[in-house]
Amino acid sequence: MTEMDKEQISPITAASANDRGAADLTVLHEAAKLIGHSGTPEIAITGTLRLMSQMLGLNRGRVLLPSTADGLLRIRYSYGLTDTERKRGLYSFEEGITGKVMQSGQQVVVQDVDQEPGFLFRAVDRATLPDGVVSYLAVPIMDGNLTVGVLAAHRLRMRPRAINADLVILRILATFIAQIIKINGLIDERTSHLREENQELKEALEQQQNNYGILGESAAVRDALLQITRVADTPVTVLLTGESGTGKERFSQILHLNSKRRDQPFLAINCAAIPEQLLESELFGHEKGAFTGATASKQGKIELANGGTLFLDEIGDLNMELQSKLLRVLESQVIQRVGGIRDIPVDVRIITATHKNLQEAVNQGTFRLDLFYRLNVFPIHLPPLRQRTGDVRILARHFLLNANREYGRYTLFGKGVMERLESYNWPGNIRQLENVIKRAVLIALNGNISIGDIESILRQESVINNHLEAGQSAAPQGAPASLPQLNAAVIQPVSPAGTLSSSSRPYSWVREDEEQSLLEALQQTGGNKTRAAALLGMTARQFRYRLEKLALTDSH
């Protein structure tokens, strides 16, 4: 065995030298194309080995990589070897020519395999090789200073082409192959992470079927579901209590779907979201001419839900007059439309929900005691997210999957993100978690949600929470309330196009103390105004408007 080929070849013509040079360039060009266009490393590397054989005479090429199972070198890719030969190509780092290349990181040339004691003929029998002197060339596949594999091939010793020329080509191709392996490793790492997450989501979704569509495995959720299934098929009135964002409407749907009324209508209305002057008409309907604009009779939600279920969210915000009318529905199962005089019988199950303490409202005289007793026959408390141990991880991955699909992204959680999400208090519960994940997907760079992205969003959430708790008495008259640092637009969810919902005001009051938050967002996103706007929960138009109002457009 010699390290370099010392033999001088016979003089050759300029034409033949040019032909070999053209062949080398063709191999490198085609190999580069394979790397860029092949869908799998199998296609790219096997195609490169085929080019080596067909155009350069480097036959039975193989790429050997360490096995993750036992650490032994195995033939992972080859051209011109049978399956049996590939399986026999198994080496430790201390045996054979291949093992020595892997261990030393140095290329090795065997001028004549028949004269080299260290050549094992393990993968390919000598009888399989052609007659005459056969050489064996092996070069390391390097990732920086680390040897990650071996590229090797046979060639006939007596050829007009110098072995040195083959070694140059092999070293270049080994560099190509190293990049393929590295990229594939990164892809495998990412897809492996995705496979694990998908498996967990699959298991969670299977559990979801048992949980009637509720994602979560915590004892608190299971207890709430158990109580719901106990009363779902009874006529009893259920009051769902719990903080905002805990999923009260979803639980009410489960009550309906597990009752005998499942094939009848399910309607929901938020009593806090509709002005008082309109709420009565929404609930009870109205007759033609009952008020200005009532050009025709209209059925209310109670009447439309006849035979089914009506869910009244935020029942604690109902005024005293409507409380009396709702009590009559519960006691007599009849309604009167606004402006009407006749009783209309209804058969509707009413489920109510509130995040307020109704007992305290009764003591303060803002909620009727008799209505409270009618509603509170079977109260079910829905746990806040911070008490649902282990559910944040499941829900976060579910929301990430949905956001990626909705926004056309391919985003993953970075290191430490899940642990940070699990440690947060989540005063806004499931709704807040979903909003945070959506915003993180929108601002993530390079398809990776970093711990910095999450910390930035959670800091804004904390400002919002503190601000809402403190109240808005200092807001200028006629202007929407503003946060100390961030505008109220932060509270609004962002759409896939980076815009707010149509009900949002296009511009809200601009305060001078917003300047710092705008500049910090620009710095964090490298000056990208669209991403900075998404980071603050604004549209790009709102963000630019603030830059102009605060005279920040010249420097940014």
Protein backbone atom coordinates (compact mmCIF):
# COMPACT_ATOMS: atom_id res chain seq x y z
CA MET A 1 0.00 0.00 0.00
CA THR A 2 1.28 3.50 -0.85
CA GLU A 3 -0.20 6.83 0.16
CA MET A 4 0.23 8.45 -3.24
CA ASP A 5 0.50 7.14 -6.78
CA LYS A 6 4.16 7.68 -7.81
CA GLU A 7 3.90 6.05 -11.24
CA GLN A 8 4.33 8.28 -14.25
CA ILE A 9 1.88 7.52 -17.02
CA SER A 10 2.74 7.39 -20.67
CA PRO A 11 2.65 10.66 -22.64
CA ILE A 12 -0.83 11.40 -23.89
CA THR A 13 -2.20 13.61 -26.56
CA ALA A 14 -3.67 17.01 -25.80
CA ALA A 15 -7.00 15.83 -27.21
CA SER A 16 -7.28 12.91 -24.79
CA ALA A 17 -6.33 15.16 -21.85
CA ASN A 18 -9.05 17.57 -22.86
CA ASP A 19 -11.56 14.71 -23.07
CA ARG A 20 -10.74 13.58 -19.53
CA GLY A 21 -10.95 17.13 -18.26
CA ALA A 22 -14.36 17.50 -19.86
CA ALA A 23 -15.48 14.23 -18.25
CA ASP A 24 -14.38 15.46 -14.82
CA LEU A 25 -16.27 18.71 -15.24
CA THR A 26 -19.34 16.86 -16.46
CA VAL A 27 -19.31 14.59 -13.42
CA LEU A 28 -18.97 17.55 -11.04
CA HIS A 29 -21.67 19.51 -12.85
CA GLU A 30 -24.13 16.61 -12.88
CA ALA A 31 -23.37 15.75 -9.25
CA ALA A 32 -24.08 19.35 -8.24
CA LYS A 33 -27.39 19.21 -10.11
CA LEU A 34 -28.30 16.00 -8.30
CA ILE A 35 -27.68 17.67 -4.95
CA GLY A 36 -29.85 20.62 -5.87
CA HIS A 37 -32.76 18.77 -7.40
CA SER A 38 -32.97 15.32 -5.81
CA GLY A 39 -35.73 14.80 -3.33
CA THR A 40 -33.79 12.31 -1.18
CA PRO A 41 -30.12 11.67 -0.33
CA GLU A 42 -30.55 8.15 -1.76
CA ILE A 43 -31.19 9.58 -5.24
CA ALA A 44 -28.44 12.23 -5.02
CA ILE A 45 -25.66 10.02 -3.64
CA THR A 46 -26.49 6.91 -5.68
CA GLY A 47 -26.67 9.09 -8.80
CA THR A 48 -23.22 10.52 -8.00
CA LEU A 49 -21.77 7.00 -7.60
CA ARG A 50 -23.30 6.04 -10.92
CA LEU A 51 -21.59 8.99 -12.62
CA MET A 52 -18.27 7.93 -11.08
CA SER A 53 -18.64 4.46 -12.55
CA GLN A 54 -19.95 5.32 -15.99
CA MET A 55 -17.77 8.34 -16.77
CA LEU A 56 -14.60 7.87 -14.72
CA GLY A 57 -14.26 4.09 -14.33
CA LEU A 58 -14.46 4.29 -10.53
CA ASN A 59 -16.52 1.14 -10.03
CA ARG A 60 -18.49 -0.36 -7.18
CA GLY A 61 -18.55 3.00 -5.42
CA ARG A 62 -19.88 3.03 -1.88
CA VAL A 63 -20.50 5.47 0.95
CA LEU A 64 -20.04 4.04 4.43
CA LEU A 65 -21.53 5.75 7.48
CA PRO A 66 -21.47 4.84 11.18
CA SER A 67 -24.61 3.08 12.37
CA THR A 68 -26.45 4.80 15.20
CA ALA A 69 -27.39 1.37 16.56
CA ASP A 70 -23.93 -0.17 17.04
CA GLY A 71 -21.42 2.41 15.81
CA LEU A 72 -20.09 0.10 13.10
CA LEU A 73 -19.39 1.36 9.60
CA ARG A 74 -22.03 0.15 7.18
CA ILE A 75 -22.48 0.62 3.44
CA ARG A 76 -25.36 3.09 3.32
CA TYR A 77 -25.27 3.99 -0.40
CA SER A 78 -23.67 2.16 -3.32
CA TYR A 79 -23.66 1.61 -7.08
CA GLY A 80 -22.70 -1.73 -8.61
CA LEU A 81 -23.02 -3.76 -5.41
CA THR A 82 -25.62 -6.41 -4.74
CA ASP A 83 -27.78 -6.35 -1.60
CA THR A 84 -25.75 -9.23 -0.21
CA GLU A 85 -22.49 -7.38 -0.81
CA ARG A 86 -23.86 -4.28 0.84
CA LYS A 87 -24.91 -6.24 3.93
CA ARG A 88 -21.44 -7.84 4.16
CA GLY A 89 -19.77 -4.43 4.12
CA LEU A 90 -19.60 -4.03 7.88
CA TYR A 91 -16.45 -2.71 9.62
CA SER A 92 -15.26 -1.46 12.96
CA PHE A 93 -12.98 1.56 13.10
CA GLU A 94 -9.96 -0.67 13.72
CA GLU A 95 -10.26 -3.05 10.78
CA GLY A 96 -9.82 -2.94 7.05
CA ILE A 97 -8.82 -0.04 4.85
CA THR A 98 -12.20 1.61 5.34
CA GLY A 99 -11.94 1.54 9.14
CA LYS A 100 -8.49 3.10 9.01
CA VAL A 101 -9.72 5.96 6.81
CA MET A 102 -12.60 6.57 9.18
CA GLN A 103 -10.35 6.54 12.21
CA SER A 104 -7.51 8.62 10.79
CA GLY A 105 -9.42 11.00 8.53
CA GLN A 106 -6.75 10.45 5.85
CA GLN A 107 -7.19 9.14 2.31
CA VAL A 108 -5.74 5.72 1.44
CA VAL A 109 -4.73 4.26 -1.94
CA VAL A 110 -4.31 0.54 -2.38
CA GLN A 111 -2.34 0.09 -5.62
CA ASP A 112 -3.01 -3.66 -5.79
CA VAL A 113 -5.67 -5.24 -3.60
CA ASP A 114 -4.03 -8.66 -4.05
CA GLN A 115 -0.80 -7.43 -2.48
CA GLU A 116 -2.33 -5.54 0.46
CA PRO A 117 -2.68 -7.69 3.65
CA GLY A 118 -5.07 -5.15 5.18
CA PHE A 119 -7.57 -5.46 2.35
CA LEU A 120 -10.28 -7.81 3.63
CA PHE A 121 -12.38 -8.58 0.50
CA ARG A 122 -15.33 -8.52 2.88
CA ALA A 123 -17.97 -6.82 0.77
CA VAL A 124 -16.79 -7.97 -2.69
CA ASP A 125 -15.09 -11.31 -3.29
CA ARG A 126 -11.89 -11.33 -5.33
CA ALA A 127 -13.55 -13.59 -7.87
CA THR A 128 -16.12 -10.86 -8.53
CA LEU A 129 -13.44 -8.33 -9.42
CA PRO A 130 -11.98 -8.20 -12.95
CA ASP A 131 -8.73 -9.93 -13.84
CA GLY A 132 -5.60 -7.88 -13.66
CA VAL A 133 -4.40 -5.39 -11.09
CA VAL A 134 -7.28 -3.73 -9.21
CA SER A 135 -6.78 -0.66 -7.07
CA TYR A 136 -8.90 0.61 -4.21
CA LEU A 137 -9.31 4.32 -3.37
CA ALA A 138 -10.87 5.55 -0.14
CA VAL A 139 -11.27 9.17 1.02
CA PRO A 140 -12.84 10.53 4.21
CA ILE A 141 -16.13 12.42 4.15
CA MET A 142 -15.52 15.42 6.38
CA ASP A 143 -17.83 17.83 8.19
CA GLY A 144 -15.33 20.46 9.23
CA ASN A 145 -12.67 18.57 11.16
CA LEU A 146 -14.95 15.63 11.91
CA THR A 147 -14.90 12.46 9.82
CA VAL A 148 -18.50 11.44 9.23
CA GLY A 149 -18.04 8.68 6.64
CA VAL A 150 -15.95 7.15 3.87
CA LEU A 151 -16.26 7.32 0.06
CA ALA A 152 -14.52 4.45 -1.72
CA ALA A 153 -14.33 2.73 -5.12
CA HIS A 154 -12.39 0.19 -7.18
CA ARG A 155 -10.54 0.97 -10.41
CA LEU A 156 -8.28 -0.90 -12.80
CA ARG A 157 -4.68 -0.10 -11.98
CA MET A 158 -3.37 -0.02 -15.54
CA ARG A 159 -5.27 2.87 -17.08
CA PRO A 160 -4.06 5.97 -18.91
CA ARG A 161 -5.72 8.12 -16.25
CA ALA A 162 -3.60 8.94 -13.18
CA ILE A 163 -4.82 7.82 -9.78
CA ASN A 164 -4.09 11.33 -8.50
CA ALA A 165 -6.74 12.69 -10.86
CA ASP A 166 -9.26 10.23 -9.47
CA LEU A 167 -8.36 11.21 -5.91
CA VAL A 168 -8.99 14.88 -6.67
CA ILE A 169 -12.44 14.06 -8.04
CA LEU A 170 -13.22 11.76 -5.09
CA ARG A 171 -12.27 14.45 -2.57
CA ILE A 172 -14.53 16.98 -4.30
CA LEU A 173 -17.41 14.51 -4.49
CA ALA A 174 -16.86 13.59 -0.83
CA THR A 175 -17.38 17.29 -0.01
CA PHE A 176 -20.63 17.25 -1.97
CA ILE A 177 -21.77 14.10 -0.18
CA ALA A 178 -20.85 15.61 3.20
CA GLN A 179 -23.25 18.48 2.49
CA ILE A 180 -26.00 16.08 1.47
CA ILE A 181 -25.54 14.08 4.66
CA LYS A 182 -25.46 17.21 6.80
CA ILE A 183 -28.59 18.68 5.23
CA ASN A 184 -30.37 15.34 5.47
CA GLY A 185 -29.37 15.09 9.12
CA LEU A 186 -30.88 18.51 9.81
CA ILE A 187 -34.04 17.51 7.96
CA ASP A 188 -34.19 14.22 9.86
CA GLU A 189 -33.78 16.07 13.13
CA ARG A 190 -36.61 18.43 12.26
CA THR A 191 -38.91 15.76 10.85
CA SER A 192 -38.14 13.51 13.80
CA HIS A 193 -39.24 16.32 16.07
CA LEU A 194 -42.36 16.73 13.95
CA ARG A 195 -43.04 12.99 14.00
CA GLU A 196 -42.84 12.99 17.78
CA GLU A 197 -45.17 15.99 17.98
CA ASN A 198 -47.55 14.47 15.45
CA GLN A 199 -47.60 11.21 17.39
CA GLU A 200 -48.40 13.09 20.59
CA LEU A 201 -51.10 15.04 18.77
CA LYS A 202 -52.46 11.83 17.29
CA GLU A 203 -52.67 10.31 20.75
CA ALA A 204 -54.23 13.50 22.06
CA LEU A 205 -56.79 13.51 19.25
CA GLU A 206 -57.62 9.88 19.96
CA GLN A 207 -58.10 10.89 23.57
CA GLN A 208 -60.13 13.85 22.30
CA GLN A 209 -62.66 11.46 20.82
CA ASN A 210 -63.14 10.02 24.29
CA ASN A 211 -63.23 13.57 25.67
CA TYR A 212 -65.98 14.67 23.26
CA GLY A 213 -63.68 16.99 21.35
CA ILE A 214 -61.90 18.59 24.32
CA LEU A 215 -58.10 18.51 24.06
CA GLY A 216 -56.54 17.72 27.40
CA GLU A 217 -55.66 14.87 29.69
CA SER A 218 -55.53 16.61 33.06
CA ALA A 219 -57.59 15.39 35.99
CA ALA A 220 -59.37 18.77 36.17
CA VAL A 221 -60.67 18.41 32.60
CA ARG A 222 -61.68 14.80 33.09
CA ASP A 223 -63.64 15.75 36.21
CA ALA A 224 -65.51 18.53 34.35
CA LEU A 225 -66.32 16.16 31.48
CA LEU A 226 -67.56 13.52 33.92
CA GLN A 227 -69.98 15.98 35.48
CA ILE A 228 -71.25 17.07 32.07
CA THR A 229 -71.93 13.52 30.92
CA ARG A 230 -73.87 12.88 34.11
CA VAL A 231 -76.39 15.64 33.42
CA ALA A 232 -76.25 15.86 29.60
CA ASP A 233 -79.35 13.74 29.05
CA THR A 234 -81.44 15.32 31.78
CA PRO A 235 -83.59 18.49 31.63
CA VAL A 236 -81.70 20.07 34.53
CA THR A 237 -80.42 23.65 34.10
CA VAL A 238 -76.62 23.83 34.08
CA LEU A 239 -74.53 26.85 35.06
CA LEU A 240 -70.95 26.79 33.74
CA THR A 241 -68.55 28.90 35.77
CA GLY A 242 -64.93 29.72 35.22
CA GLU A 243 -62.58 32.37 34.01
CA SER A 244 -62.82 33.90 30.54
CA GLY A 245 -61.28 31.74 27.86
CA THR A 246 -61.77 28.38 29.59
CA GLY A 247 -64.02 27.00 26.84
CA LYS A 248 -67.48 27.40 28.31
CA GLU A 249 -69.22 27.46 24.93
CA ARG A 250 -67.39 24.30 23.83
CA PHE A 251 -68.50 22.50 27.00
CA SER A 252 -72.07 23.65 26.45
CA GLN A 253 -71.95 22.12 22.96
CA ILE A 254 -70.86 18.83 24.52
CA LEU A 255 -73.87 19.00 26.83
CA HIS A 256 -76.13 19.48 23.81
CA LEU A 257 -74.49 16.77 21.67
CA ASN A 258 -74.81 14.21 24.45
CA SER A 259 -78.46 14.95 25.10
CA LYS A 260 -81.66 13.80 23.40
CA ARG A 261 -81.79 17.25 21.79
CA ARG A 262 -78.63 16.61 19.75
CA ASP A 263 -80.52 16.62 16.42
CA GLN A 264 -82.21 19.94 17.20
CA PRO A 265 -80.73 23.47 17.00
CA PHE A 266 -77.90 24.66 19.23
CA LEU A 267 -77.67 28.45 19.43
CA ALA A 268 -75.31 30.61 21.46
CA ILE A 269 -75.42 34.30 22.37
CA ASN A 270 -73.04 36.41 24.43
CA CYS A 271 -75.09 38.68 26.65
CA ALA A 272 -72.14 41.02 27.20
CA ALA A 273 -71.42 41.49 23.50
CA ILE A 274 -74.79 42.97 22.48
CA PRO A 275 -76.03 46.43 23.55
CA GLU A 276 -78.89 46.30 26.05
CA GLN A 277 -81.34 47.97 23.67
CA LEU A 278 -80.79 45.21 21.11
CA LEU A 279 -80.35 42.23 23.40
CA GLU A 280 -84.05 41.84 24.21
CA SER A 281 -84.92 41.64 20.51
CA GLU A 282 -82.09 39.15 19.93
CA LEU A 283 -83.37 36.90 22.69
CA PHE A 284 -87.14 37.20 22.39
CA GLY A 285 -87.66 38.50 18.85
CA HIS A 286 -90.00 41.36 17.94
CA GLU A 287 -93.23 42.08 16.12
CA LYS A 288 -93.55 44.31 13.09
CA GLY A 289 -93.64 47.97 14.12
CA ALA A 290 -92.42 47.26 17.65
CA PHE A 291 -89.79 49.99 17.25
CA THR A 292 -88.28 52.16 14.56
CA GLY A 293 -86.77 49.93 11.91
CA ALA A 294 -88.85 46.87 12.83
CA THR A 295 -90.29 46.47 9.34
CA ALA A 296 -91.12 42.79 9.84
CA SER A 297 -91.65 40.28 12.60
CA LYS A 298 -88.52 38.46 13.75
CA GLN A 299 -87.98 35.33 15.80
CA GLY A 300 -85.51 35.61 18.66
CA LYS A 301 -82.81 33.14 19.65
CA ILE A 302 -85.04 31.43 22.23
CA GLU A 303 -87.73 30.78 19.64
CA LEU A 304 -85.19 29.66 17.00
CA ALA A 305 -83.71 27.19 19.48
CA ASN A 306 -87.11 25.56 20.07
CA GLY A 307 -86.63 21.84 20.64
CA GLY A 308 -82.90 22.32 21.12
CA THR A 309 -80.47 24.15 23.36
CA LEU A 310 -79.71 27.84 23.92
CA PHE A 311 -76.39 28.82 25.46
CA LEU A 312 -76.36 32.20 27.21
CA ASP A 313 -72.78 33.29 27.87
CA GLU A 314 -71.94 36.01 30.42
CA ILE A 315 -75.38 35.74 31.97
CA GLY A 316 -74.16 37.98 34.79
CA ASP A 317 -74.30 40.99 32.44
CA LEU A 318 -78.05 40.63 31.83
CA ASN A 319 -80.02 43.64 33.14
CA MET A 320 -82.74 43.20 35.75
CA GLU A 321 -85.64 43.53 33.27
CA LEU A 322 -84.30 40.78 31.02
CA GLN A 323 -83.54 38.66 34.07
CA SER A 324 -87.26 38.74 34.92
CA LYS A 325 -88.23 37.73 31.39
CA LEU A 326 -85.66 34.91 31.35
CA LEU A 327 -87.02 33.65 34.69
CA ARG A 328 -90.50 33.42 33.12
CA VAL A 329 -89.07 31.35 30.25
CA LEU A 330 -87.49 28.93 32.71
CA GLU A 331 -90.63 28.64 34.84
CA SER A 332 -93.37 28.66 32.19
CA GLN A 333 -91.61 27.80 28.92
CA VAL A 334 -93.31 30.73 27.14
CA ILE A 335 -92.06 33.98 25.65
CA GLN A 336 -93.50 37.23 24.36
CA ARG A 337 -91.83 39.01 21.49
CA VAL A 338 -90.99 42.70 21.85
CA GLY A 339 -94.16 44.61 20.93
CA GLY A 340 -96.25 41.43 21.13
CA ILE A 341 -99.11 40.49 23.45
CA ARG A 342 -99.48 36.75 22.94
CA ASP A 343 -97.55 34.01 24.69
CA ILE A 344 -95.52 31.74 22.44
CA PRO A 345 -94.78 28.32 23.93
CA VAL A 346 -91.19 27.11 23.59
CA ASP A 347 -89.37 23.91 24.48
CA VAL A 348 -85.76 24.91 24.95
CA ARG A 349 -83.01 23.87 27.30
CA ILE A 350 -81.07 26.87 28.56
CA ILE A 351 -77.44 26.52 29.57
CA THR A 352 -75.79 29.58 31.08
CA ALA A 353 -72.22 30.59 31.79
CA THR A 354 -70.42 33.38 33.58
CA HIS A 355 -66.96 34.33 34.76
CA LYS A 356 -68.50 36.51 37.50
CA ASN A 357 -69.44 35.52 41.02
CA LEU A 358 -73.24 35.47 40.80
CA GLN A 359 -73.66 35.04 44.54
CA GLU A 360 -71.78 38.27 45.06
CA ALA A 361 -73.93 39.93 42.36
CA VAL A 362 -77.04 38.77 44.25
CA ASN A 363 -75.69 40.30 47.47
CA GLN A 364 -75.02 43.57 45.61
CA GLY A 365 -78.55 43.59 44.20
CA THR A 366 -77.51 43.35 40.55
CA PHE A 367 -78.74 39.78 40.02
CA ARG A 368 -82.11 38.28 40.99
CA LEU A 369 -81.94 35.68 43.75
CA ASP A 370 -84.80 33.60 42.30
CA LEU A 371 -83.15 33.50 38.88
CA PHE A 372 -79.85 32.53 40.50
CA TYR A 373 -81.48 29.52 42.14
CA ARG A 374 -83.12 28.49 38.86
CA LEU A 375 -79.80 28.66 37.02
CA ASN A 376 -77.60 27.19 39.73
CA VAL A 377 -79.32 23.78 39.89
CA PHE A 378 -76.21 21.99 38.66
CA PRO A 379 -73.11 24.23 38.56
CA ILE A 380 -70.00 22.95 36.79
CA HIS A 381 -66.73 24.79 37.30
CA LEU A 382 -64.33 24.76 34.34
CA PRO A 383 -60.68 24.81 35.44
CA PRO A 384 -58.34 27.59 34.34
CA LEU A 385 -55.45 26.55 32.11
CA ARG A 386 -52.89 26.97 34.90
CA GLN A 387 -54.63 24.17 36.81
CA ARG A 388 -54.70 21.80 33.83
CA THR A 389 -51.38 20.08 34.40
CA GLY A 390 -49.81 18.88 31.16
CA ASP A 391 -52.49 20.33 28.86
CA VAL A 392 -50.53 23.42 27.79
CA ARG A 393 -48.12 21.25 25.80
CA ILE A 394 -50.94 19.46 23.98
CA LEU A 395 -52.91 22.62 23.28
CA ALA A 396 -49.83 24.59 22.15
CA ARG A 397 -48.90 21.97 19.57
CA HIS A 398 -52.49 21.79 18.39
CA PHE A 399 -52.65 25.57 17.94
CA LEU A 400 -49.24 25.55 16.20
CA LEU A 401 -50.46 22.95 13.73
CA ASN A 402 -53.61 24.98 13.04
CA ALA A 403 -51.69 28.26 12.69
CA ASN A 404 -49.18 26.70 10.28
CA ARG A 405 -52.04 25.40 8.17
CA GLU A 406 -53.94 28.70 8.33
CA TYR A 407 -50.98 30.94 7.51
CA GLY A 408 -49.19 28.58 5.13
CA ARG A 409 -46.12 28.39 7.39
CA TYR A 410 -43.75 25.60 8.46
CA THR A 411 -42.89 26.69 11.99
CA LEU A 412 -41.51 24.74 14.94
CA PHE A 413 -41.04 25.48 18.64
CA GLY A 414 -37.42 26.20 19.51
CA LYS A 415 -35.51 24.96 22.53
CA GLY A 416 -37.04 25.97 25.85
CA VAL A 417 -40.24 27.41 24.34
CA MET A 418 -42.56 24.69 25.55
CA GLU A 419 -41.17 24.89 29.07
CA ARG A 420 -41.73 28.66 29.08
CA LEU A 421 -45.30 28.25 27.88
CA GLU A 422 -45.97 25.73 30.63
CA SER A 423 -44.57 28.05 33.30
CA TYR A 424 -46.74 31.04 32.31
CA ASN A 425 -49.86 31.80 34.38
CA TRP A 426 -52.28 32.23 31.40
CA PRO A 427 -54.85 34.62 32.90
CA GLY A 428 -56.63 34.59 29.53
CA ASN A 429 -56.58 30.79 29.48
CA ILE A 430 -57.02 28.77 26.26
CA ARG A 431 -58.05 31.77 24.16
CA GLN A 432 -54.92 33.63 25.22
CA LEU A 433 -52.65 30.66 24.51
CA GLU A 434 -54.06 30.33 21.00
CA ASN A 435 -53.55 34.03 20.32
CA VAL A 436 -49.95 33.90 21.55
CA ILE A 437 -49.15 30.92 19.33
CA LYS A 438 -50.65 32.63 16.28
CA ARG A 439 -48.62 35.78 16.87
CA ALA A 440 -45.47 33.72 17.42
CA VAL A 441 -45.95 31.96 14.08
CA LEU A 442 -46.35 35.32 12.33
CA ILE A 443 -43.14 36.84 13.71
CA ALA A 444 -40.97 33.69 13.70
CA LEU A 445 -37.82 33.88 11.58
CA ASN A 446 -36.44 30.90 9.63
CA GLY A 447 -39.36 28.71 10.64
CA ASN A 448 -38.33 28.64 14.29
CA ILE A 449 -40.21 30.13 17.25
CA SER A 450 -37.47 31.15 19.65
CA ILE A 451 -37.64 31.64 23.39
CA GLY A 452 -37.01 35.34 22.68
CA ASP A 453 -40.13 35.53 20.50
CA ILE A 454 -42.25 34.02 23.26
CA GLU A 455 -40.74 36.19 25.99
CA SER A 456 -41.43 39.33 23.94
CA ILE A 457 -45.07 38.37 23.37
CA LEU A 458 -45.61 37.35 26.99
CA ARG A 459 -44.17 40.66 28.20
CA GLN A 460 -46.78 42.42 26.08
CA GLU A 461 -49.47 40.11 27.46
CA SER A 462 -48.42 41.01 31.00
CA VAL A 463 -48.67 44.72 30.19
CA ILE A 464 -52.17 44.16 28.81
CA ASN A 465 -53.26 42.12 31.83
CA ASN A 466 -51.92 44.69 34.31
CA HIS A 467 -53.53 47.47 32.34
CA LEU A 468 -56.94 45.80 32.22
CA GLU A 469 -56.82 45.12 35.95
CA ALA A 470 -55.88 48.73 36.70
CA GLY A 471 -58.75 50.21 34.65
CA GLN A 472 -58.85 52.97 32.07
CA SER A 473 -59.93 56.07 33.91
CA ALA A 474 -57.11 58.22 32.47
CA ALA A 475 -58.04 57.81 28.79
CA PRO A 476 -58.81 61.09 26.91
CA GLN A 477 -62.49 61.74 26.33
CA GLY A 478 -63.71 60.18 23.10
CA ALA A 479 -60.50 58.21 22.62
CA PRO A 480 -60.10 54.48 23.10
CA ALA A 481 -58.17 53.39 26.15
CA SER A 482 -54.42 53.03 25.53
CA LEU A 483 -51.90 50.87 27.26
CA PRO A 484 -48.95 52.51 28.99
CA GLN A 485 -46.57 51.24 26.30
CA LEU A 486 -48.56 49.33 23.73
CA ASN A 487 -51.70 50.43 21.93
CA ALA A 488 -55.02 48.75 22.59
CA ALA A 489 -54.80 47.17 19.13
CA VAL A 490 -52.47 44.62 20.72
CA ILE A 491 -55.50 42.97 22.26
CA GLN A 492 -57.05 42.28 18.88
CA PRO A 493 -56.27 38.97 17.16
CA VAL A 494 -54.29 39.16 13.93
CA SER A 495 -55.62 37.62 10.73
CA PRO A 496 -53.49 35.57 8.29
CA ALA A 497 -52.94 38.67 6.20
CA GLY A 498 -51.68 40.58 9.21
CA THR A 499 -54.87 42.64 9.54
CA LEU A 500 -57.27 43.09 12.41
CA SER A 501 -60.86 42.04 12.37
CA SER A 502 -63.28 44.24 10.47
CA SER A 503 -64.87 45.41 13.69
CA SER A 504 -61.62 47.00 14.87
CA ARG A 505 -61.05 50.72 14.45
CA PRO A 506 -58.41 51.37 11.76
CA TYR A 507 -56.62 53.90 13.97
CA SER A 508 -56.71 54.45 17.70
CA TRP A 509 -55.32 57.10 20.00
CA VAL A 510 -51.53 57.51 19.63
CA ARG A 511 -49.51 58.26 22.74
CA GLU A 512 -45.96 59.55 22.88
CA ASP A 513 -44.92 56.79 25.28
CA GLU A 514 -45.59 54.24 22.51
CA GLU A 515 -42.40 55.37 20.77
CA GLN A 516 -40.14 53.04 22.75
CA SER A 517 -42.23 49.94 22.04
CA LEU A 518 -42.31 50.78 18.31
CA LEU A 519 -38.55 51.21 18.16
CA GLU A 520 -37.93 48.02 20.12
CA ALA A 521 -40.17 46.06 17.77
CA LEU A 522 -38.30 47.45 14.75
CA GLN A 523 -34.97 46.56 16.32
CA GLN A 524 -36.08 43.03 17.14
CA THR A 525 -37.30 42.41 13.58
CA GLY A 526 -34.30 43.99 11.86
CA GLY A 527 -36.32 46.95 10.59
CA ASN A 528 -39.07 44.83 9.02
CA LYS A 529 -42.20 46.94 9.61
CA THR A 530 -44.65 44.13 8.75
CA ARG A 531 -43.11 41.77 11.29
CA ALA A 532 -42.79 44.55 13.84
CA ALA A 533 -46.49 45.31 13.42
CA ALA A 534 -47.37 41.63 13.88
CA LEU A 535 -45.19 41.53 16.99
CA LEU A 536 -47.26 44.35 18.50
CA GLY A 537 -50.56 42.92 17.29
CA MET A 538 -51.16 45.74 14.79
CA THR A 539 -51.68 45.90 11.07
CA ALA A 540 -48.78 47.21 8.99
CA ARG A 541 -50.93 50.26 8.18
CA GLN A 542 -51.54 51.02 11.84
CA PHE A 543 -47.85 50.61 12.57
CA ARG A 544 -46.82 53.03 9.80
CA TYR A 545 -49.47 55.48 10.99
CA ARG A 546 -47.87 55.55 14.42
CA LEU A 547 -44.40 56.00 12.98
CA GLU A 548 -45.66 59.01 11.03
CA LYS A 549 -47.55 60.52 13.98
CA LEU A 550 -44.50 60.17 16.23
CA ALA A 551 -42.13 61.45 13.50
CA LEU A 552 -40.16 58.18 13.41
CA THR A 553 -40.33 57.61 9.66
CA ASP A 554 -37.15 59.47 8.75
CA SER A 555 -34.80 57.19 10.64
CA HIS A 556 -36.74 53.98 9.99
